[in-house]
Amino acid sequence: MSLQTLSTAFVSIIAIWATWCVLSHKVRDGIVGKIIYAAIAVSGFAIATRGETVLLSPSAAGVTFHGALALAGLRHWFVANHWPRVKAWLCRTLNCERCLSCDKAPGGIDRRGK
């Protein structure tokens, strides 16, 4: 895989994540946050669909930055959509000291004594 292909794939993931942030009701960052996400989505779309690939070839540092930002976006999406279910499953499965005080754990004891 070339740096150009990796960069385009990562920028596409970033643009999709930013679009999800704008459209999702789970992301509550206010008007300013939605405007920032919209700017990221539009610029990511413009970068991913550009025609002048020779003039804007990415460096290794640029591809690494795009990859890290794409992973941060995927993590944000995962935490907003799936983490509560995964955490509840972990509490039920692991049954550790910390999870026993969790109200989602079977037989969990609330720290307030209720």
Protein backbone atom coordinates (compact mmCIF):
# COMPACT_ATOMS: atom_id res chain seq x y z
CA MET A 1 0.00 0.00 0.00
CA SER A 2 1.31 3.42 -0.88
CA LEU A 3 1.33 6.46 1.36
CA GLN A 4 -1.22 8.10 -0.94
CA THR A 5 -3.67 5.19 -0.57
CA LEU A 6 -3.24 5.05 3.20
CA SER A 7 -3.67 8.80 3.53
CA THR A 8 -6.83 8.78 1.42
CA ALA A 9 -8.29 5.89 3.43
CA PHE A 10 -7.54 7.58 6.74
CA VAL A 11 -8.91 10.94 5.59
CA SER A 12 -12.07 9.18 4.39
CA ILE A 13 -12.52 7.60 7.84
CA ILE A 14 -12.01 11.02 9.44
CA ALA A 15 -14.60 12.58 7.12
CA ILE A 16 -17.14 9.82 7.85
CA TRP A 17 -16.53 10.19 11.61
CA ALA A 18 -16.97 13.97 11.47
CA THR A 19 -20.18 13.57 9.45
CA TRP A 20 -21.47 11.14 12.08
CA CYS A 21 -20.61 13.68 14.80
CA VAL A 22 -22.62 16.35 13.01
CA LEU A 23 -25.66 14.15 12.42
CA SER A 24 -25.74 12.07 15.62
CA HIS A 25 -27.81 13.05 18.62
CA LYS A 26 -25.32 11.19 20.85
CA VAL A 27 -22.63 13.84 20.29
CA ARG A 28 -23.52 16.85 22.42
CA ASP A 29 -20.80 19.40 21.67
CA GLY A 30 -23.04 22.38 21.02
CA ILE A 31 -23.32 24.55 17.94
CA VAL A 32 -19.62 25.41 17.85
CA GLY A 33 -18.66 21.73 18.05
CA LYS A 34 -21.09 20.84 15.25
CA ILE A 35 -19.62 23.61 13.08
CA ILE A 36 -16.09 22.32 13.74
CA TYR A 37 -17.13 18.75 12.89
CA ALA A 38 -18.85 20.02 9.73
CA ALA A 39 -15.66 21.83 8.67
CA ILE A 40 -13.63 18.65 9.30
CA ALA A 41 -16.14 16.60 7.28
CA VAL A 42 -16.16 18.98 4.31
CA SER A 43 -12.37 19.38 4.23
CA GLY A 44 -11.87 15.63 4.61
CA PHE A 45 -14.24 15.00 1.71
CA ALA A 46 -12.37 17.58 -0.39
CA ILE A 47 -9.01 15.97 0.40
CA ALA A 48 -10.26 12.42 -0.26
CA THR A 49 -11.78 13.30 -3.64
CA ARG A 50 -9.08 15.68 -4.92
CA GLY A 51 -7.64 15.21 -8.36
CA GLU A 52 -4.19 16.72 -7.92
CA THR A 53 -2.56 13.80 -6.11
CA VAL A 54 0.91 14.64 -7.47
CA LEU A 55 0.97 18.10 -5.87
CA LEU A 56 -0.17 16.99 -2.41
CA SER A 57 1.66 13.75 -1.80
CA PRO A 58 1.68 12.95 1.92
CA SER A 59 4.76 12.38 4.02
CA ALA A 60 5.16 9.54 6.49
CA ALA A 61 4.44 11.98 9.34
CA GLY A 62 1.27 13.19 7.60
CA VAL A 63 -0.01 9.66 7.09
CA THR A 64 0.77 8.84 10.73
CA PHE A 65 -1.17 11.93 11.82
CA HIS A 66 -4.13 10.97 9.63
CA GLY A 67 -4.02 7.42 10.98
CA ALA A 68 -3.94 8.58 14.60
CA LEU A 69 -6.81 11.00 14.03
CA ALA A 70 -8.81 8.29 12.24
CA LEU A 71 -8.26 5.92 15.19
CA ALA A 72 -9.34 8.65 17.61
CA GLY A 73 -12.51 9.11 15.57
CA LEU A 74 -13.22 5.37 15.56
CA ARG A 75 -12.65 5.24 19.32
CA HIS A 76 -15.03 8.18 19.83
CA TRP A 77 -17.69 6.42 17.74
CA PHE A 78 -17.20 3.15 19.65
CA VAL A 79 -17.39 4.80 23.08
CA ALA A 80 -20.52 6.74 22.15
CA ASN A 81 -22.36 3.76 20.65
CA HIS A 82 -21.10 0.50 22.15
CA TRP A 83 -19.10 1.09 25.36
CA PRO A 84 -22.00 0.92 27.89
CA ARG A 85 -22.96 -2.57 26.66
CA VAL A 86 -19.34 -3.74 26.56
CA LYS A 87 -18.71 -2.36 30.06
CA ALA A 88 -21.81 -4.12 31.42
CA TRP A 89 -20.68 -7.37 29.77
CA LEU A 90 -17.19 -6.97 31.27
CA CYS A 91 -18.69 -6.38 34.72
CA ARG A 92 -20.78 -9.54 34.44
CA THR A 93 -17.94 -11.64 33.02
CA LEU A 94 -14.92 -10.55 35.07
CA ASN A 95 -16.63 -10.34 38.46
CA CYS A 96 -13.66 -8.46 39.95
CA GLU A 97 -13.52 -6.25 43.06
CA ARG A 98 -14.15 -3.05 41.15
CA CYS A 99 -16.99 -4.57 39.17
CA LEU A 100 -18.71 -5.91 42.27
CA SER A 101 -19.45 -2.34 43.33
CA CYS A 102 -20.96 -1.63 39.92
CA ASP A 103 -24.75 -1.46 39.87
CA LYS A 104 -24.78 -3.32 36.54
CA ALA A 105 -22.97 -6.34 37.96
CA PRO A 106 -25.07 -9.24 39.23
CA GLY A 107 -25.37 -8.85 42.96
CA GLY A 108 -23.52 -5.55 42.78
CA ILE A 109 -23.51 -3.40 45.90
CA ASP A 110 -24.02 0.32 45.61
CA ARG A 111 -21.29 2.29 47.43
CA ARG A 112 -23.89 4.49 49.07
CA GLY A 113 -25.29 1.45 50.86
CA LYS A 114 -28.56 1.28 48.95
